Amino acid sequence: MVEAGLLPADYPVTINAVSGYSGGGRSMIEAHEAGTASAFELYGLGFEHKHLPELQQHAKLTRRPIFVPSVGS
């Protein structure tokens, strides 16, 4: 969107993402397979999620986006 001129590189972007339960890592996989996990759960909300640098780089953003990851069964 930045390259197409639809969004300024410094625009404050938010990303609300939902993945399957395996996206939350080993502990979430174990909880879902044991039947003890919620059907929907937010995680990694410390603004330091491991995918933030690549999201920012590939989107060509100069500001770190607000990333709200979640998992669903």
N, C-alpha and C. Protein backbone atom coordinates (compact mmCIF):
# COMPACT_ATOMS: atom_id res chain seq x y z
N MET A 1 0.82 -1.18 0.00
CA MET A 1 0.00 0.00 0.00
C MET A 1 0.87 1.25 0.00
N VAL A 2 2.01 1.18 0.70
CA VAL A 2 2.94 2.31 0.70
C VAL A 2 3.50 2.52 -0.70
N GLU A 3 3.97 1.44 -1.33
CA GLU A 3 4.53 1.55 -2.67
C GLU A 3 3.50 2.06 -3.69
N ALA A 4 2.25 1.71 -3.51
CA ALA A 4 1.19 2.15 -4.42
C ALA A 4 0.74 3.59 -4.15
N GLY A 5 1.27 4.19 -3.08
CA GLY A 5 0.89 5.55 -2.75
C GLY A 5 -0.44 5.67 -2.05
N LEU A 6 -0.99 4.56 -1.56
CA LEU A 6 -2.28 4.57 -0.88
C LEU A 6 -2.17 4.87 0.61
N LEU A 7 -0.97 4.72 1.15
CA LEU A 7 -0.75 4.87 2.58
C LEU A 7 0.62 5.50 2.81
N PRO A 8 0.71 6.56 3.60
CA PRO A 8 2.03 7.13 3.90
C PRO A 8 2.84 6.13 4.74
N ALA A 9 4.14 6.09 4.54
CA ALA A 9 5.01 5.14 5.26
C ALA A 9 4.96 5.34 6.76
N ASP A 10 4.61 6.53 7.23
CA ASP A 10 4.57 6.79 8.67
C ASP A 10 3.16 6.73 9.26
N TYR A 11 2.21 6.17 8.50
CA TYR A 11 0.83 6.07 8.97
C TYR A 11 0.74 5.10 10.14
N PRO A 12 -0.04 5.41 11.18
CA PRO A 12 -0.16 4.50 12.34
C PRO A 12 -1.07 3.31 12.02
N VAL A 13 -0.47 2.19 11.68
CA VAL A 13 -1.20 1.00 11.25
C VAL A 13 -1.46 0.07 12.43
N THR A 14 -2.65 -0.52 12.47
CA THR A 14 -2.95 -1.58 13.43
C THR A 14 -3.29 -2.85 12.66
N ILE A 15 -2.86 -3.98 13.21
CA ILE A 15 -3.11 -5.27 12.58
C ILE A 15 -3.74 -6.19 13.62
N ASN A 16 -4.96 -6.61 13.36
CA ASN A 16 -5.65 -7.57 14.21
C ASN A 16 -5.62 -8.91 13.47
N ALA A 17 -4.81 -9.83 13.96
CA ALA A 17 -4.59 -11.08 13.25
C ALA A 17 -5.12 -12.28 14.04
N VAL A 18 -5.71 -13.22 13.33
CA VAL A 18 -6.20 -14.45 13.94
C VAL A 18 -5.58 -15.63 13.18
N SER A 19 -4.98 -16.55 13.90
CA SER A 19 -4.46 -17.76 13.29
C SER A 19 -5.06 -18.96 14.00
N GLY A 20 -4.81 -20.13 13.44
CA GLY A 20 -5.21 -21.35 14.11
C GLY A 20 -4.40 -21.51 15.38
N TYR A 21 -4.81 -22.41 16.26
CA TYR A 21 -4.17 -22.51 17.57
C TYR A 21 -2.69 -22.84 17.51
N SER A 22 -2.22 -23.44 16.42
CA SER A 22 -0.79 -23.75 16.34
C SER A 22 0.06 -22.49 16.20
N GLY A 23 -0.56 -21.36 15.82
CA GLY A 23 0.16 -20.11 15.69
C GLY A 23 0.62 -19.54 17.02
N GLY A 24 0.06 -20.00 18.12
CA GLY A 24 0.40 -19.47 19.44
C GLY A 24 1.55 -20.18 20.11
N GLY A 25 2.13 -21.16 19.46
CA GLY A 25 3.29 -21.84 20.03
C GLY A 25 2.92 -23.11 20.79
N ARG A 26 3.95 -23.71 21.31
CA ARG A 26 3.84 -25.04 21.93
C ARG A 26 2.84 -25.13 23.07
N SER A 27 2.87 -24.16 23.98
CA SER A 27 1.95 -24.24 25.12
C SER A 27 0.49 -24.13 24.69
N MET A 28 0.23 -23.29 23.69
CA MET A 28 -1.15 -23.17 23.20
C MET A 28 -1.57 -24.43 22.45
N ILE A 29 -0.66 -25.03 21.70
CA ILE A 29 -0.97 -26.29 21.01
C ILE A 29 -1.34 -27.35 22.03
N GLU A 30 -0.54 -27.47 23.08
CA GLU A 30 -0.81 -28.48 24.12
C GLU A 30 -2.15 -28.22 24.80
N ALA A 31 -2.46 -26.97 25.09
CA ALA A 31 -3.73 -26.64 25.75
C ALA A 31 -4.92 -26.96 24.86
N HIS A 32 -4.82 -26.66 23.57
CA HIS A 32 -5.92 -26.95 22.65
C HIS A 32 -6.10 -28.45 22.47
N GLU A 33 -4.99 -29.17 22.36
CA GLU A 33 -5.09 -30.62 22.19
C GLU A 33 -5.61 -31.31 23.45
N ALA A 34 -5.36 -30.70 24.61
CA ALA A 34 -5.86 -31.26 25.87
C ALA A 34 -7.31 -30.85 26.14
N GLY A 35 -7.82 -29.91 25.33
CA GLY A 35 -9.19 -29.45 25.51
C GLY A 35 -9.36 -28.43 26.63
N THR A 36 -8.27 -27.81 27.08
CA THR A 36 -8.34 -26.86 28.19
C THR A 36 -8.23 -25.40 27.74
N ALA A 37 -8.06 -25.16 26.45
CA ALA A 37 -7.86 -23.80 25.95
C ALA A 37 -9.19 -23.13 25.61
N SER A 38 -9.17 -21.82 25.60
CA SER A 38 -10.33 -21.05 25.15
C SER A 38 -10.51 -21.23 23.65
N ALA A 39 -11.70 -21.00 23.17
CA ALA A 39 -11.96 -21.08 21.72
C ALA A 39 -11.29 -19.92 20.99
N PHE A 40 -11.05 -18.82 21.69
CA PHE A 40 -10.40 -17.63 21.12
C PHE A 40 -9.56 -17.00 22.21
N GLU A 41 -8.33 -16.61 21.86
CA GLU A 41 -7.43 -16.04 22.88
C GLU A 41 -6.44 -15.07 22.24
N LEU A 42 -6.28 -13.90 22.89
CA LEU A 42 -5.24 -12.96 22.49
C LEU A 42 -3.94 -13.38 23.15
N TYR A 43 -2.81 -13.06 22.51
CA TYR A 43 -1.52 -13.38 23.11
C TYR A 43 -0.46 -12.41 22.58
N GLY A 44 0.72 -12.42 23.18
CA GLY A 44 1.85 -11.63 22.70
C GLY A 44 1.55 -10.15 22.60
N LEU A 45 0.95 -9.57 23.61
CA LEU A 45 0.51 -8.18 23.54
C LEU A 45 1.52 -7.19 24.10
N GLY A 46 2.77 -7.58 24.23
CA GLY A 46 3.79 -6.69 24.79
C GLY A 46 4.43 -5.76 23.78
N PHE A 47 3.89 -5.63 22.59
CA PHE A 47 4.42 -4.77 21.53
C PHE A 47 5.84 -5.15 21.10
N GLU A 48 6.25 -6.38 21.38
CA GLU A 48 7.56 -6.87 20.97
C GLU A 48 7.40 -8.23 20.28
N HIS A 49 6.30 -8.46 19.61
CA HIS A 49 6.05 -9.74 18.96
C HIS A 49 7.14 -10.03 17.94
N LYS A 50 7.52 -11.29 17.81
CA LYS A 50 8.65 -11.67 16.96
C LYS A 50 8.43 -11.34 15.48
N HIS A 51 7.20 -11.17 15.04
CA HIS A 51 6.94 -10.88 13.63
C HIS A 51 6.85 -9.38 13.32
N LEU A 52 6.93 -8.53 14.33
CA LEU A 52 6.82 -7.09 14.08
C LEU A 52 7.90 -6.56 13.14
N PRO A 53 9.17 -6.91 13.32
CA PRO A 53 10.19 -6.37 12.41
C PRO A 53 9.94 -6.74 10.94
N GLU A 54 9.53 -7.98 10.68
CA GLU A 54 9.29 -8.36 9.29
C GLU A 54 8.02 -7.71 8.74
N LEU A 55 6.99 -7.55 9.58
CA LEU A 55 5.79 -6.84 9.13
C LEU A 55 6.14 -5.42 8.71
N GLN A 56 6.91 -4.74 9.55
CA GLN A 56 7.30 -3.37 9.26
C GLN A 56 8.16 -3.30 8.00
N GLN A 57 9.10 -4.20 7.86
CA GLN A 57 9.99 -4.20 6.71
C GLN A 57 9.24 -4.46 5.40
N HIS A 58 8.44 -5.50 5.36
CA HIS A 58 7.76 -5.87 4.12
C HIS A 58 6.67 -4.87 3.74
N ALA A 59 6.07 -4.23 4.74
CA ALA A 59 5.05 -3.22 4.46
C ALA A 59 5.66 -1.86 4.17
N LYS A 60 6.98 -1.75 4.36
CA LYS A 60 7.72 -0.50 4.14
C LYS A 60 7.21 0.63 5.03
N LEU A 61 6.91 0.29 6.28
CA LEU A 61 6.44 1.27 7.26
C LEU A 61 7.62 1.83 8.03
N THR A 62 7.59 3.12 8.31
CA THR A 62 8.64 3.72 9.12
C THR A 62 8.29 3.69 10.60
N ARG A 63 7.04 3.43 10.92
CA ARG A 63 6.58 3.30 12.31
C ARG A 63 6.21 1.85 12.56
N ARG A 64 6.49 1.38 13.76
CA ARG A 64 6.11 0.02 14.12
C ARG A 64 4.59 -0.07 14.21
N PRO A 65 3.99 -1.06 13.54
CA PRO A 65 2.53 -1.19 13.64
C PRO A 65 2.12 -1.75 15.00
N ILE A 66 0.90 -1.48 15.39
CA ILE A 66 0.34 -2.12 16.58
C ILE A 66 -0.22 -3.47 16.12
N PHE A 67 0.33 -4.53 16.66
CA PHE A 67 0.00 -5.89 16.23
C PHE A 67 -0.72 -6.62 17.36
N VAL A 68 -1.94 -7.06 17.09
CA VAL A 68 -2.75 -7.75 18.09
C VAL A 68 -2.97 -9.18 17.59
N PRO A 69 -2.07 -10.13 17.96
CA PRO A 69 -2.24 -11.50 17.50
C PRO A 69 -3.22 -12.26 18.38
N SER A 70 -3.90 -13.20 17.78
CA SER A 70 -4.84 -14.04 18.51
C SER A 70 -4.89 -15.41 17.85
N VAL A 71 -5.43 -16.37 18.58
CA VAL A 71 -5.60 -17.71 18.04
C VAL A 71 -7.04 -18.16 18.28
N GLY A 72 -7.51 -19.00 17.38
CA GLY A 72 -8.85 -19.57 17.51
C GLY A 72 -8.80 -21.05 17.22
N SER A 73 -9.72 -21.76 17.79
CA SER A 73 -9.73 -23.21 17.55
C SER A 73 -10.43 -23.53 16.24
